[in-house]
Protein backbone atom coordinates (compact mmCIF):
# COMPACT_ATOMS: atom_id res chain seq x y z
CA MET A 1 72.97 196.73 56.27
CA ILE A 2 72.36 194.60 59.32
CA ILE A 3 72.27 196.01 62.86
CA ARG A 4 72.72 193.27 65.45
CA GLN A 5 73.95 192.63 68.96
CA GLU A 6 77.71 192.43 69.23
CA GLU A 7 79.07 188.93 69.89
CA SER A 8 82.34 187.93 71.53
CA LYS A 9 83.68 186.85 68.11
CA ASP A 10 83.32 190.52 67.05
CA TYR A 11 85.50 191.97 69.82
CA GLU A 12 88.76 192.14 67.87
CA SER A 13 87.11 193.68 64.79
CA VAL A 14 85.26 196.20 66.95
CA TYR A 15 88.48 197.11 68.78
CA HIS A 16 90.20 197.98 65.49
CA LEU A 17 87.10 199.71 64.11
CA ILE A 18 87.01 202.04 67.14
CA GLN A 19 90.75 202.77 66.77
CA HIS A 20 90.29 203.73 63.11
CA ALA A 21 87.09 205.69 63.70
CA PHE A 22 88.69 207.89 66.36
CA GLN A 23 92.11 208.37 64.71
CA THR A 24 90.98 211.56 63.02
CA ALA A 25 88.28 212.58 65.49
CA GLU A 26 88.59 216.15 66.72
CA HIS A 27 87.82 215.28 70.35
CA ALA A 28 89.34 211.89 71.14
CA ASP A 29 91.85 210.67 73.67
CA GLY A 30 92.96 207.61 71.68
CA ASN A 31 91.71 205.20 74.33
CA GLU A 32 88.12 204.76 73.19
CA GLN A 33 88.73 201.13 72.15
CA ASP A 34 90.15 200.34 75.60
CA LEU A 35 87.17 202.04 77.23
CA VAL A 36 84.89 199.58 75.41
CA VAL A 37 86.98 196.62 76.63
CA ASN A 38 86.80 197.92 80.20
CA LEU A 39 83.07 198.62 79.98
CA ARG A 40 82.39 195.10 78.67
CA ASN A 41 84.04 193.82 81.86
CA SER A 42 82.08 196.14 84.16
CA ASP A 43 78.76 195.83 85.99
CA SER A 44 77.46 198.61 83.71
CA PHE A 45 77.64 196.51 80.56
CA ILE A 46 74.33 195.67 78.90
CA PRO A 47 74.99 193.08 76.16
CA GLU A 48 71.74 193.91 74.34
CA LEU A 49 72.94 197.51 73.95
CA SER A 50 76.31 196.77 72.39
CA LEU A 51 75.43 196.81 68.71
CA VAL A 52 77.30 196.46 65.44
CA ALA A 53 76.45 197.51 61.90
CA VAL A 54 77.44 194.91 59.32
CA LYS A 55 77.72 195.58 55.61
CA ASP A 56 78.92 192.92 53.17
CA ASP A 57 80.13 190.73 56.08
CA THR A 58 82.26 193.58 57.47
CA ILE A 59 81.61 195.32 60.76
CA VAL A 60 81.50 198.99 59.80
CA GLY A 61 79.95 200.52 62.92
CA HIS A 62 79.55 199.99 66.68
CA ILE A 63 77.59 201.65 69.46
CA LEU A 64 77.63 201.04 73.19
CA PHE A 65 75.14 202.13 75.82
CA THR A 66 76.03 201.35 79.45
CA LYS A 67 74.35 201.88 82.81
CA ALA A 68 74.89 205.18 84.56
CA PHE A 69 73.05 206.97 87.34
CA VAL A 70 71.57 210.36 88.04
CA GLY A 71 70.82 210.22 91.73
CA ASP A 72 69.13 206.84 92.19
CA VAL A 73 67.72 206.75 88.64
CA GLU A 74 69.43 204.35 86.26
CA VAL A 75 70.03 205.97 82.86
CA LEU A 76 72.12 205.08 79.84
CA ALA A 77 75.45 206.54 78.79
CA LEU A 78 75.99 206.42 75.03
CA ALA A 79 79.72 206.06 74.47
CA PRO A 80 81.31 205.47 72.16
CA LEU A 81 79.65 205.53 68.74
CA SER A 82 82.08 204.50 66.00
CA VAL A 83 81.84 204.16 62.23
CA LEU A 84 84.76 203.28 59.97
CA PRO A 85 85.93 206.45 58.19
CA ALA A 86 85.13 205.07 54.71
CA TYR A 87 81.50 204.57 55.80
CA GLN A 88 80.94 207.83 57.69
CA GLY A 89 78.29 210.19 56.37
CA GLN A 90 76.05 207.34 55.20
CA GLY A 91 73.63 207.33 58.15
CA ILE A 92 75.13 204.28 59.87
CA GLY A 93 75.60 206.06 63.18
CA THR A 94 71.98 207.22 63.10
CA LEU A 95 70.79 203.67 62.38
CA LEU A 96 72.83 202.36 65.31
CA MET A 97 71.37 205.01 67.62
CA LYS A 98 67.78 204.35 66.51
CA GLU A 99 68.13 200.61 67.04
CA GLY A 100 69.77 201.20 70.43
CA HIS A 101 66.98 203.55 71.45
CA LYS A 102 64.36 201.01 70.42
CA ILE A 103 66.02 198.29 72.50
CA ALA A 104 66.54 200.68 75.44
CA LYS A 105 62.80 201.43 75.54
CA ILE A 106 61.98 197.72 75.48
CA LEU A 107 64.40 197.20 78.39
CA GLY A 108 62.62 199.94 80.35
CA TYR A 109 65.15 202.75 80.20
CA THR A 110 63.83 206.30 80.02
CA TYR A 111 66.97 208.40 79.40
CA SER A 112 70.12 208.22 77.32
CA VAL A 113 72.92 210.73 77.86
CA VAL A 114 75.78 211.54 75.50
CA LEU A 115 78.73 213.88 75.40
CA GLY A 116 79.12 214.98 71.81
CA ASP A 117 78.59 217.32 68.90
CA PRO A 118 75.10 218.84 69.08
CA SER A 119 74.83 219.15 65.30
CA TYR A 120 75.23 215.37 65.06
CA TYR A 121 73.26 214.07 68.04
CA GLU A 122 70.33 216.47 67.64
CA ARG A 123 69.46 214.52 64.46
CA ALA A 124 68.69 211.53 66.70
CA GLY A 125 66.56 213.59 69.09
CA TYR A 126 69.13 214.55 71.73
CA THR A 127 68.94 217.96 73.34
CA THR A 128 70.82 219.66 76.16
CA ALA A 129 70.67 217.48 79.27
CA SER A 130 70.05 220.54 81.40
CA ILE A 131 66.40 220.62 80.31
CA TYR A 132 66.00 217.32 82.18
CA VAL A 133 68.10 218.73 85.07
CA ILE A 134 70.88 216.23 84.35
CA LYS A 135 74.26 217.75 85.14
CA PRO A 136 77.69 216.59 83.96
CA PRO A 137 80.32 215.49 86.52
CA PHE A 138 82.87 217.77 84.82
CA GLU A 139 83.07 221.22 83.28
CA ILE A 140 81.63 221.26 79.77
CA GLU A 141 79.70 223.70 77.65
CA ASP A 142 75.99 222.98 78.13
CA ALA A 143 75.33 222.31 74.44
CA TYR A 144 77.71 219.31 74.34
CA PHE A 145 76.20 217.36 77.28
CA MET A 146 73.01 215.99 75.80
CA ALA A 147 70.15 213.68 76.71
CA LEU A 148 67.20 211.97 75.10
CA CYS A 149 64.08 211.01 77.00
CA PHE A 150 62.24 207.97 75.66
CA SER A 151 58.95 208.65 77.45
CA ASN A 152 56.67 211.63 77.94
CA GLU A 153 55.80 210.16 81.33
CA ALA A 154 59.36 209.95 82.63
CA LYS A 155 60.01 211.98 85.73
CA LEU A 156 62.51 214.82 85.59
CA ILE A 157 65.66 213.81 87.34
CA ASP A 158 67.75 216.35 89.14
CA GLY A 159 71.33 215.40 89.72
CA ILE A 160 74.85 214.85 88.53
CA MET A 161 75.50 212.04 86.08
CA LYS A 162 77.54 209.19 87.60
CA TYR A 163 79.39 207.21 84.95
CA ASP A 164 80.93 203.78 85.42
CA ASP A 165 84.43 203.94 86.89
CA ALA A 166 85.81 202.68 83.55
CA PHE A 167 85.31 206.20 82.20
CA GLY A 168 87.94 207.45 84.67
CA LEU A 169 85.87 210.39 85.86
CA SER A 170 85.87 209.60 89.59
């Protein structure tokens, strides 16, 4: 398994991977692949944090972290994380997150925020964002809005998460 930065030649494969990954997802709107296209074309896109998992020359997973803000603090929004259905349950999503977190630290980020299943994201160290005083810009049960702090020295940030406009939350 190779985890590497996504390249423009991967875009079509990643688009279809995301479509397939979210076809049977319990909480999906069917537009996750278009969100990635829009985020790639936004000011929030960080090429180093768009990663693919490659197995036997096939892209089997993708993760995207983009810039977001809590107040004036730049944080990361993890969305989406996709693994082809035939490869789910093999730890590929966790590998993508770990590599993304490693790169995020190198780039100087201190927080990553995700909206997702606590039983899944807690395995990668995420916990409720409210403990960092990060609030969602929409109504959601506290347990599903999660954050990970990369540094014990990071300051607590108190505010509402501001996603890129591509998320359609404004």
